[in-house]
Amino acid sequence: MALALALGTTLGDLSMLRRALFTEFAGIITAMLLSAIIGALVHVDPTVPEVVLRTTIGWGDIAVALASGCAGALAFTTGVSATLIGVMVAVALLPPLVTFGLLLGSGYPVFAIGALSLFFMKLICVNIAGVAMFLVQGIHPLSWWEKNLATKATRIAIVLWIMLLATLFILIMLLKKI
């Protein structure tokens, strides 16, 4: 649904944005709850390398998220299977989200916050890249009045996404100093 959010942003389609946000929120909550329950039942060691990789943010993580957003938007506009698009985005977003729930359920809230930060960083990057790719491909509403509205909405959304990304980046840097 991250690409639906990016497409709705690009088109300025408020109905699509609402549905995408609702679906995205429902998926995030479901993944968090299920993984937290599993984490409460099965102890998760936060020092395992696979877990550590999903609790810290590196340039590679950002690159994967940006590439996933671009690839997802490109695949969507070229008619590639919706399943493939979902898999591309899920590869970027699900691992840190599930790690968050597992660590939270196992009683490691500090490590869990790192995983949640990585998830939000990737979510923002996927959406920024998706919007950018849709814009580069010339995706816009058909009518001129919707196009003007969509252009304004897209600009506002991009500024908000970038502000969220900058805020998250600052918070991450501050948390690393603590």
N, C-alpha and C. Protein backbone atom coordinates (compact mmCIF):
# COMPACT_ATOMS: atom_id res chain seq x y z
N MET A 1 0.80 -1.20 0.00
CA MET A 1 0.00 0.00 0.00
C MET A 1 0.85 1.26 0.00
N ALA A 2 2.15 1.12 0.20
CA ALA A 2 3.01 2.29 0.15
C ALA A 2 2.97 2.93 -1.23
N LEU A 3 2.87 2.12 -2.27
CA LEU A 3 2.79 2.68 -3.62
C LEU A 3 1.45 3.34 -3.88
N ALA A 4 0.39 2.83 -3.27
CA ALA A 4 -0.92 3.48 -3.40
C ALA A 4 -0.85 4.86 -2.76
N LEU A 5 -0.13 4.97 -1.67
CA LEU A 5 0.07 6.26 -1.01
C LEU A 5 0.83 7.21 -1.93
N ALA A 6 1.89 6.71 -2.56
CA ALA A 6 2.68 7.53 -3.47
C ALA A 6 1.85 7.93 -4.70
N LEU A 7 1.07 7.00 -5.23
CA LEU A 7 0.25 7.30 -6.40
C LEU A 7 -0.85 8.30 -6.05
N GLY A 8 -1.49 8.10 -4.91
CA GLY A 8 -2.52 9.03 -4.46
C GLY A 8 -1.96 10.42 -4.25
N THR A 9 -0.73 10.49 -3.74
CA THR A 9 -0.05 11.78 -3.56
C THR A 9 0.20 12.43 -4.91
N THR A 10 0.71 11.66 -5.85
CA THR A 10 1.03 12.18 -7.17
C THR A 10 -0.22 12.67 -7.90
N LEU A 11 -1.32 11.95 -7.75
CA LEU A 11 -2.56 12.31 -8.43
C LEU A 11 -3.40 13.32 -7.65
N GLY A 12 -3.04 13.55 -6.38
CA GLY A 12 -3.85 14.42 -5.55
C GLY A 12 -5.22 13.84 -5.26
N ASP A 13 -5.30 12.51 -5.25
CA ASP A 13 -6.56 11.79 -5.07
C ASP A 13 -6.76 11.51 -3.56
N LEU A 14 -7.58 12.35 -2.92
CA LEU A 14 -7.78 12.24 -1.47
C LEU A 14 -8.44 10.93 -1.07
N SER A 15 -9.35 10.43 -1.89
CA SER A 15 -10.01 9.16 -1.60
C SER A 15 -8.97 8.03 -1.61
N MET A 16 -8.11 8.01 -2.60
CA MET A 16 -7.08 6.99 -2.67
C MET A 16 -6.11 7.12 -1.50
N LEU A 17 -5.77 8.37 -1.16
CA LEU A 17 -4.88 8.60 -0.02
C LEU A 17 -5.47 8.07 1.28
N ARG A 18 -6.75 8.34 1.50
CA ARG A 18 -7.41 7.85 2.72
C ARG A 18 -7.41 6.32 2.78
N ARG A 19 -7.77 5.69 1.67
CA ARG A 19 -7.80 4.22 1.64
C ARG A 19 -6.39 3.66 1.83
N ALA A 20 -5.41 4.28 1.20
CA ALA A 20 -4.03 3.80 1.32
C ALA A 20 -3.53 3.96 2.76
N LEU A 21 -3.83 5.10 3.36
CA LEU A 21 -3.40 5.32 4.75
C LEU A 21 -4.07 4.33 5.70
N PHE A 22 -5.37 4.10 5.50
CA PHE A 22 -6.09 3.15 6.35
C PHE A 22 -5.50 1.75 6.20
N THR A 23 -5.29 1.33 4.96
CA THR A 23 -4.75 -0.01 4.71
C THR A 23 -3.33 -0.13 5.24
N GLU A 24 -2.53 0.91 5.03
CA GLU A 24 -1.15 0.92 5.53
C GLU A 24 -1.14 0.82 7.05
N PHE A 25 -1.98 1.63 7.70
CA PHE A 25 -2.06 1.61 9.15
C PHE A 25 -2.51 0.25 9.67
N ALA A 26 -3.51 -0.33 9.04
CA ALA A 26 -4.00 -1.65 9.46
C ALA A 26 -2.92 -2.71 9.30
N GLY A 27 -2.18 -2.66 8.21
CA GLY A 27 -1.09 -3.62 8.00
C GLY A 27 0.03 -3.45 9.01
N ILE A 28 0.37 -2.21 9.31
CA ILE A 28 1.43 -1.94 10.28
C ILE A 28 1.03 -2.45 11.66
N ILE A 29 -0.17 -2.13 12.09
CA ILE A 29 -0.65 -2.57 13.40
C ILE A 29 -0.71 -4.09 13.48
N THR A 30 -1.20 -4.72 12.42
CA THR A 30 -1.29 -6.19 12.41
C THR A 30 0.09 -6.82 12.52
N ALA A 31 1.04 -6.34 11.74
CA ALA A 31 2.40 -6.88 11.79
C ALA A 31 3.03 -6.65 13.15
N MET A 32 2.82 -5.48 13.72
CA MET A 32 3.38 -5.18 15.05
C MET A 32 2.79 -6.09 16.12
N LEU A 33 1.47 -6.21 16.11
CA LEU A 33 0.82 -7.02 17.14
C LEU A 33 1.21 -8.50 17.04
N LEU A 34 1.16 -9.05 15.84
CA LEU A 34 1.50 -10.46 15.67
C LEU A 34 2.96 -10.74 16.05
N SER A 35 3.85 -9.86 15.62
CA SER A 35 5.27 -10.09 15.94
C SER A 35 5.54 -9.85 17.43
N ALA A 36 4.82 -8.92 18.07
CA ALA A 36 4.99 -8.71 19.51
C ALA A 36 4.51 -9.93 20.30
N ILE A 37 3.41 -10.52 19.85
CA ILE A 37 2.91 -11.74 20.50
C ILE A 37 3.94 -12.87 20.36
N ILE A 38 4.47 -13.03 19.17
CA ILE A 38 5.49 -14.06 18.95
C ILE A 38 6.72 -13.75 19.80
N GLY A 39 7.12 -12.46 19.86
CA GLY A 39 8.26 -12.07 20.67
C GLY A 39 8.05 -12.35 22.16
N ALA A 40 6.80 -12.26 22.63
CA ALA A 40 6.50 -12.56 24.03
C ALA A 40 6.55 -14.06 24.29
N LEU A 41 6.24 -14.85 23.27
CA LEU A 41 6.23 -16.30 23.42
C LEU A 41 7.62 -16.93 23.22
N VAL A 42 8.40 -16.34 22.33
CA VAL A 42 9.72 -16.87 21.99
C VAL A 42 10.75 -15.78 22.24
N HIS A 43 11.73 -16.05 23.09
CA HIS A 43 12.74 -15.04 23.39
C HIS A 43 13.57 -14.72 22.16
N VAL A 44 13.75 -13.44 21.90
CA VAL A 44 14.56 -12.98 20.77
C VAL A 44 15.82 -12.32 21.33
N ASP A 45 16.96 -12.78 20.88
CA ASP A 45 18.24 -12.24 21.33
C ASP A 45 18.58 -11.01 20.47
N PRO A 46 18.67 -9.83 21.09
CA PRO A 46 18.93 -8.62 20.31
C PRO A 46 20.36 -8.50 19.78
N THR A 47 21.23 -9.44 20.15
CA THR A 47 22.62 -9.38 19.69
C THR A 47 22.87 -10.25 18.46
N VAL A 48 21.86 -10.99 18.02
CA VAL A 48 21.99 -11.81 16.83
C VAL A 48 22.21 -10.86 15.63
N PRO A 49 23.20 -11.14 14.78
CA PRO A 49 23.52 -10.21 13.68
C PRO A 49 22.33 -9.82 12.81
N GLU A 50 21.43 -10.75 12.52
CA GLU A 50 20.27 -10.44 11.69
C GLU A 50 19.35 -9.44 12.37
N VAL A 51 19.27 -9.51 13.69
CA VAL A 51 18.44 -8.57 14.45
C VAL A 51 19.14 -7.22 14.52
N VAL A 52 20.43 -7.23 14.78
CA VAL A 52 21.19 -5.98 14.86
C VAL A 52 21.09 -5.19 13.56
N LEU A 53 21.13 -5.88 12.43
CA LEU A 53 21.03 -5.21 11.13
C LEU A 53 19.70 -4.48 10.96
N ARG A 54 18.69 -4.92 11.68
CA ARG A 54 17.36 -4.32 11.54
C ARG A 54 17.02 -3.35 12.67
N THR A 55 18.05 -2.98 13.45
CA THR A 55 17.84 -2.01 14.53
C THR A 55 18.71 -0.77 14.35
N THR A 56 19.51 -0.75 13.31
CA THR A 56 20.36 0.41 13.03
C THR A 56 20.15 0.84 11.58
N ILE A 57 20.35 2.11 11.35
CA ILE A 57 20.14 2.65 10.00
C ILE A 57 21.49 2.91 9.35
N GLY A 58 21.64 2.37 8.15
CA GLY A 58 22.84 2.61 7.36
C GLY A 58 22.46 3.15 6.00
N TRP A 59 23.47 3.62 5.28
CA TRP A 59 23.22 4.16 3.94
C TRP A 59 22.64 3.08 3.02
N GLY A 60 23.04 1.84 3.22
CA GLY A 60 22.52 0.75 2.41
C GLY A 60 21.02 0.56 2.59
N ASP A 61 20.55 0.74 3.82
CA ASP A 61 19.12 0.63 4.10
C ASP A 61 18.33 1.71 3.36
N ILE A 62 18.87 2.90 3.36
CA ILE A 62 18.21 4.01 2.67
C ILE A 62 18.21 3.75 1.17
N ALA A 63 19.34 3.26 0.65
CA ALA A 63 19.44 2.96 -0.78
C ALA A 63 18.43 1.88 -1.19
N VAL A 64 18.29 0.84 -0.36
CA VAL A 64 17.33 -0.23 -0.67
C VAL A 64 15.90 0.31 -0.68
N ALA A 65 15.59 1.17 0.29
CA ALA A 65 14.24 1.73 0.36
C ALA A 65 13.96 2.63 -0.85
N LEU A 66 14.92 3.45 -1.22
CA LEU A 66 14.74 4.31 -2.39
C LEU A 66 14.60 3.48 -3.66
N ALA A 67 15.43 2.45 -3.78
CA ALA A 67 15.36 1.57 -4.95
C ALA A 67 14.03 0.82 -4.99
N SER A 68 13.54 0.39 -3.84
CA SER A 68 12.25 -0.31 -3.79
C SER A 68 11.11 0.60 -4.22
N GLY A 69 11.14 1.84 -3.75
CA GLY A 69 10.11 2.79 -4.15
C GLY A 69 10.14 3.06 -5.65
N CYS A 70 11.34 3.26 -6.18
CA CYS A 70 11.48 3.50 -7.63
C CYS A 70 11.05 2.27 -8.43
N ALA A 71 11.54 1.11 -8.03
CA ALA A 71 11.22 -0.13 -8.75
C ALA A 71 9.73 -0.43 -8.66
N GLY A 72 9.14 -0.22 -7.50
CA GLY A 72 7.71 -0.46 -7.34
C GLY A 72 6.87 0.44 -8.23
N ALA A 73 7.22 1.73 -8.25
CA ALA A 73 6.48 2.67 -9.10
C ALA A 73 6.68 2.35 -10.58
N LEU A 74 7.89 2.01 -10.95
CA LEU A 74 8.18 1.67 -12.34
C LEU A 74 7.44 0.40 -12.74
N ALA A 75 7.47 -0.60 -11.87
CA ALA A 75 6.77 -1.86 -12.15
C ALA A 75 5.26 -1.62 -12.26
N PHE A 76 4.74 -0.77 -11.39
CA PHE A 76 3.30 -0.48 -11.41
C PHE A 76 2.88 0.15 -12.74
N THR A 77 3.66 1.09 -13.22
CA THR A 77 3.29 1.80 -14.45
C THR A 77 3.57 0.99 -15.71
N THR A 78 4.37 -0.06 -15.60
CA THR A 78 4.65 -0.88 -16.79
C THR A 78 3.79 -2.14 -16.82
N GLY A 79 2.92 -2.32 -15.82
CA GLY A 79 1.99 -3.44 -15.85
C GLY A 79 2.53 -4.74 -15.28
N VAL A 80 3.60 -4.67 -14.50
CA VAL A 80 4.13 -5.86 -13.86
C VAL A 80 3.13 -6.33 -12.79
N SER A 81 3.16 -7.59 -12.48
CA SER A 81 2.25 -8.19 -11.50
C SER A 81 2.22 -7.40 -10.19
N ALA A 82 1.03 -7.20 -9.65
CA ALA A 82 0.87 -6.50 -8.37
C ALA A 82 1.56 -7.27 -7.25
N THR A 83 1.64 -8.57 -7.37
CA THR A 83 2.31 -9.39 -6.36
C THR A 83 3.79 -9.03 -6.31
N LEU A 84 4.40 -8.88 -7.46
CA LEU A 84 5.81 -8.52 -7.51
C LEU A 84 6.06 -7.16 -6.89
N ILE A 85 5.17 -6.22 -7.14
CA ILE A 85 5.29 -4.88 -6.57
C ILE A 85 5.22 -4.97 -5.05
N GLY A 86 4.26 -5.72 -4.54
CA GLY A 86 4.12 -5.89 -3.10
C GLY A 86 5.35 -6.52 -2.47
N VAL A 87 5.91 -7.49 -3.15
CA VAL A 87 7.11 -8.16 -2.63
C VAL A 87 8.29 -7.18 -2.58
N MET A 88 8.44 -6.37 -3.62
CA MET A 88 9.55 -5.42 -3.65
C MET A 88 9.49 -4.46 -2.47
N VAL A 89 8.31 -3.94 -2.21
CA VAL A 89 8.16 -2.99 -1.12
C VAL A 89 8.25 -3.70 0.24
N ALA A 90 7.67 -4.89 0.33
CA ALA A 90 7.70 -5.63 1.60
C ALA A 90 9.12 -6.00 2.01
N VAL A 91 9.97 -6.26 1.04
CA VAL A 91 11.37 -6.58 1.35
C VAL A 91 12.03 -5.41 2.07
N ALA A 92 11.64 -4.21 1.74
CA ALA A 92 12.21 -3.04 2.39
C ALA A 92 11.56 -2.77 3.75
N LEU A 93 10.24 -2.95 3.85
CA LEU A 93 9.52 -2.49 5.03
C LEU A 93 9.28 -3.52 6.13
N LEU A 94 9.00 -4.75 5.77
CA LEU A 94 8.60 -5.73 6.79
C LEU A 94 9.70 -6.16 7.77
N PRO A 95 10.92 -6.41 7.33
CA PRO A 95 11.92 -6.87 8.30
C PRO A 95 12.10 -5.96 9.53
N PRO A 96 12.25 -4.64 9.37
CA PRO A 96 12.40 -3.84 10.59
C PRO A 96 11.11 -3.75 11.41
N LEU A 97 9.96 -3.80 10.74
CA LEU A 97 8.70 -3.73 11.46
C LEU A 97 8.48 -4.97 12.32
N VAL A 98 8.75 -6.13 11.74
CA VAL A 98 8.61 -7.39 12.49
C VAL A 98 9.66 -7.45 13.60
N THR A 99 10.86 -6.98 13.32
CA THR A 99 11.91 -6.95 14.35
C THR A 99 11.48 -6.07 15.51
N PHE A 100 10.84 -4.95 15.21
CA PHE A 100 10.32 -4.08 16.26
C PHE A 100 9.38 -4.86 17.18
N GLY A 101 8.41 -5.54 16.60
CA GLY A 101 7.45 -6.29 17.41
C GLY A 101 8.11 -7.41 18.20
N LEU A 102 9.01 -8.15 17.56
CA LEU A 102 9.70 -9.24 18.25
C LEU A 102 10.49 -8.74 19.45
N LEU A 103 11.23 -7.64 19.25
CA LEU A 103 12.04 -7.09 20.34
C LEU A 103 11.17 -6.49 21.44
N LEU A 104 10.10 -5.83 21.05
CA LEU A 104 9.20 -5.26 22.04
C LEU A 104 8.56 -6.37 22.87
N GLY A 105 8.11 -7.42 22.21
CA GLY A 105 7.51 -8.55 22.90
C GLY A 105 8.49 -9.29 23.79
N SER A 106 9.76 -9.26 23.42
CA SER A 106 10.79 -9.94 24.22
C SER A 106 11.35 -9.06 25.33
N GLY A 107 10.87 -7.82 25.42
CA GLY A 107 11.29 -6.95 26.51
C GLY A 107 12.53 -6.12 26.23
N TYR A 108 12.77 -5.76 25.00
CA TYR A 108 13.91 -4.92 24.64
C TYR A 108 13.43 -3.64 23.95
N PRO A 109 12.82 -2.73 24.71
CA PRO A 109 12.23 -1.54 24.08
C PRO A 109 13.25 -0.62 23.40
N VAL A 110 14.46 -0.53 23.93
CA VAL A 110 15.46 0.36 23.32
C VAL A 110 15.85 -0.15 21.94
N PHE A 111 16.11 -1.45 21.84
CA PHE A 111 16.42 -2.04 20.53
C PHE A 111 15.21 -1.94 19.59
N ALA A 112 14.01 -2.11 20.17
CA ALA A 112 12.79 -2.04 19.37
C ALA A 112 12.63 -0.65 18.75
N ILE A 113 12.98 0.39 19.48
CA ILE A 113 12.88 1.75 18.95
C ILE A 113 13.81 1.92 17.75
N GLY A 114 14.99 1.30 17.81
CA GLY A 114 15.90 1.34 16.66
C GLY A 114 15.28 0.71 15.43
N ALA A 115 14.63 -0.43 15.61
CA ALA A 115 13.97 -1.10 14.49
C ALA A 115 12.81 -0.26 13.96
N LEU A 116 12.05 0.35 14.86
CA LEU A 116 10.93 1.18 14.44
C LEU A 116 11.43 2.42 13.67
N SER A 117 12.54 2.98 14.12
CA SER A 117 13.14 4.12 13.40
C SER A 117 13.55 3.72 11.99
N LEU A 118 14.14 2.53 11.87
CA LEU A 118 14.53 2.03 10.55
C LEU A 118 13.29 1.84 9.67
N PHE A 119 12.23 1.29 10.25
CA PHE A 119 10.99 1.11 9.49
C PHE A 119 10.46 2.44 8.98
N PHE A 120 10.37 3.45 9.85
CA PHE A 120 9.84 4.73 9.43
C PHE A 120 10.73 5.40 8.38
N MET A 121 12.04 5.26 8.54
CA MET A 121 12.97 5.82 7.56
C MET A 121 12.72 5.18 6.19
N LYS A 122 12.56 3.86 6.18
CA LYS A 122 12.32 3.16 4.92
C LYS A 122 10.95 3.51 4.33
N LEU A 123 9.94 3.62 5.17
CA LEU A 123 8.60 3.98 4.69
C LEU A 123 8.62 5.35 4.02
N ILE A 124 9.28 6.29 4.64
CA ILE A 124 9.38 7.64 4.08
C ILE A 124 10.15 7.60 2.76
N CYS A 125 11.27 6.89 2.74
CA CYS A 125 12.09 6.82 1.52
C CYS A 125 11.35 6.14 0.37
N VAL A 126 10.62 5.07 0.66
CA VAL A 126 9.84 4.38 -0.37
C VAL A 126 8.81 5.34 -0.97
N ASN A 127 8.15 6.12 -0.12
CA ASN A 127 7.14 7.05 -0.61
C ASN A 127 7.74 8.20 -1.39
N ILE A 128 8.83 8.75 -0.92
CA ILE A 128 9.49 9.83 -1.66
C ILE A 128 9.93 9.32 -3.03
N ALA A 129 10.56 8.15 -3.06
CA ALA A 129 11.04 7.59 -4.33
C ALA A 129 9.87 7.25 -5.26
N GLY A 130 8.78 6.73 -4.70
CA GLY A 130 7.62 6.40 -5.51
C GLY A 130 7.01 7.64 -6.15
N VAL A 131 6.85 8.69 -5.35
CA VAL A 131 6.30 9.94 -5.89
C VAL A 131 7.23 10.49 -6.96
N ALA A 132 8.52 10.50 -6.67
CA ALA A 132 9.50 11.02 -7.64
C ALA A 132 9.44 10.23 -8.95
N MET A 133 9.35 8.91 -8.86
CA MET A 133 9.32 8.08 -10.06
C MET A 133 8.02 8.31 -10.85
N PHE A 134 6.90 8.43 -10.15
CA PHE A 134 5.64 8.73 -10.84
C PHE A 134 5.73 10.08 -11.55
N LEU A 135 6.34 11.07 -10.90
CA LEU A 135 6.47 12.39 -11.51
C LEU A 135 7.39 12.35 -12.72
N VAL A 136 8.50 11.63 -12.61
CA VAL A 136 9.44 11.52 -13.73
C VAL A 136 8.77 10.87 -14.93
N GLN A 137 7.88 9.92 -14.67
CA GLN A 137 7.18 9.24 -15.76
C GLN A 137 6.01 10.05 -16.31
N GLY A 138 5.74 11.19 -15.70
CA GLY A 138 4.67 12.05 -16.20
C GLY A 138 3.28 11.60 -15.79
N ILE A 139 3.18 10.88 -14.69
CA ILE A 139 1.87 10.44 -14.20
C ILE A 139 1.15 11.66 -13.60
N HIS A 140 -0.05 11.93 -14.08
CA HIS A 140 -0.85 13.05 -13.59
C HIS A 140 -2.31 12.80 -13.95
N PRO A 141 -3.21 13.53 -13.29
CA PRO A 141 -4.63 13.39 -13.62
C PRO A 141 -4.89 13.82 -15.07
N LEU A 142 -5.98 13.36 -15.63
CA LEU A 142 -6.30 13.66 -17.02
C LEU A 142 -6.81 15.09 -17.23
N SER A 143 -7.60 15.60 -16.31
CA SER A 143 -8.17 16.94 -16.51
C SER A 143 -7.24 18.02 -15.95
N TRP A 144 -7.27 19.19 -16.57
CA TRP A 144 -6.35 20.26 -16.18
C TRP A 144 -6.62 20.77 -14.77
N TRP A 145 -7.89 20.84 -14.32
CA TRP A 145 -8.18 21.34 -12.99
C TRP A 145 -7.71 20.35 -11.92
N GLU A 146 -7.83 19.06 -12.20
CA GLU A 146 -7.30 18.07 -11.26
C GLU A 146 -5.79 18.09 -11.27
N LYS A 147 -5.19 18.37 -12.42
CA LYS A 147 -3.74 18.43 -12.52
C LYS A 147 -3.18 19.56 -11.65
N ASN A 148 -3.83 20.73 -11.66
CA ASN A 148 -3.39 21.84 -10.82
C ASN A 148 -3.49 21.49 -9.35
N LEU A 149 -4.60 20.87 -8.96
CA LEU A 149 -4.78 20.45 -7.58
C LEU A 149 -3.74 19.40 -7.20
N ALA A 150 -3.52 18.44 -8.10
CA ALA A 150 -2.54 17.38 -7.83
C ALA A 150 -1.13 17.94 -7.70
N THR A 151 -0.78 18.92 -8.51
CA THR A 151 0.55 19.53 -8.43
C THR A 151 0.75 20.17 -7.07
N LYS A 152 -0.24 20.91 -6.60
CA LYS A 152 -0.15 21.54 -5.28
C LYS A 152 -0.07 20.48 -4.17
N ALA A 153 -0.94 19.48 -4.27
CA ALA A 153 -0.96 18.42 -3.25
C ALA A 153 0.37 17.66 -3.23
N THR A 154 0.92 17.40 -4.40
CA THR A 154 2.19 16.68 -4.49
C THR A 154 3.31 17.49 -3.87
N ARG A 155 3.35 18.77 -4.16
CA ARG A 155 4.39 19.63 -3.57
C ARG A 155 4.29 19.64 -2.06
N ILE A 156 3.09 19.79 -1.55
CA ILE A 156 2.88 19.78 -0.09
C ILE A 156 3.31 18.45 0.50
N ALA A 157 2.91 17.36 -0.14
CA ALA A 157 3.26 16.03 0.37
C ALA A 157 4.77 15.80 0.36
N ILE A 158 5.44 16.21 -0.71
CA ILE A 158 6.89 16.02 -0.78
C ILE A 158 7.58 16.81 0.32
N VAL A 159 7.13 18.05 0.54
CA VAL A 159 7.71 18.86 1.62
C VAL A 159 7.47 18.17 2.97
N LEU A 160 6.26 17.65 3.18
CA LEU A 160 5.97 16.96 4.45
C LEU A 160 6.83 15.71 4.61
N TRP A 161 6.96 14.91 3.54
CA TRP A 161 7.79 13.70 3.62
C TRP A 161 9.24 14.06 3.94
N ILE A 162 9.75 15.09 3.29
CA ILE A 162 11.14 15.49 3.53
C ILE A 162 11.30 16.03 4.94
N MET A 163 10.32 16.78 5.43
CA MET A 163 10.38 17.27 6.80
C MET A 163 10.34 16.11 7.79
N LEU A 164 9.48 15.13 7.54
CA LEU A 164 9.44 13.94 8.40
C LEU A 164 10.77 13.20 8.38
N LEU A 165 11.35 13.06 7.20
CA LEU A 165 12.63 12.39 7.07
C LEU A 165 13.72 13.15 7.83
N ALA A 166 13.75 14.46 7.70
CA ALA A 166 14.74 15.27 8.41
C ALA A 166 14.54 15.17 9.92
N THR A 167 13.29 15.24 10.37
CA THR A 167 12.99 15.12 11.80
C THR A 167 13.42 13.76 12.33
N LEU A 168 13.10 12.72 11.60
CA LEU A 168 13.50 11.38 12.01
C LEU A 168 15.02 11.25 12.06
N PHE A 169 15.68 11.80 11.06
CA PHE A 169 17.14 11.75 11.03
C PHE A 169 17.73 12.47 12.24
N ILE A 170 17.20 13.62 12.57
CA ILE A 170 17.69 14.37 13.75
C ILE A 170 17.45 13.58 15.02
N LEU A 171 16.25 13.00 15.17
CA LEU A 171 15.95 12.19 16.36
C LEU A 171 16.90 11.00 16.47
N ILE A 172 17.18 10.37 15.36
CA ILE A 172 18.09 9.23 15.37
C ILE A 172 19.47 9.67 15.80
N MET A 173 19.94 10.78 15.30
CA MET A 173 21.26 11.29 15.67
C MET A 173 21.30 11.65 17.15
N LEU A 174 20.23 12.25 17.66
CA LEU A 174 20.16 12.58 19.08
C LEU A 174 20.13 11.34 19.96
N LEU A 175 19.40 10.32 19.53
CA LEU A 175 19.33 9.08 20.31
C LEU A 175 20.67 8.35 20.32
N LYS A 176 21.45 8.47 19.25
CA LYS A 176 22.75 7.83 19.22
C LYS A 176 23.72 8.47 20.21
N LYS A 177 23.52 9.75 20.52
CA LYS A 177 24.40 10.46 21.45
C LYS A 177 24.06 10.16 22.90
N ILE A 178 22.85 9.65 23.13
CA ILE A 178 22.42 9.37 24.52
C ILE A 178 23.04 8.10 25.01
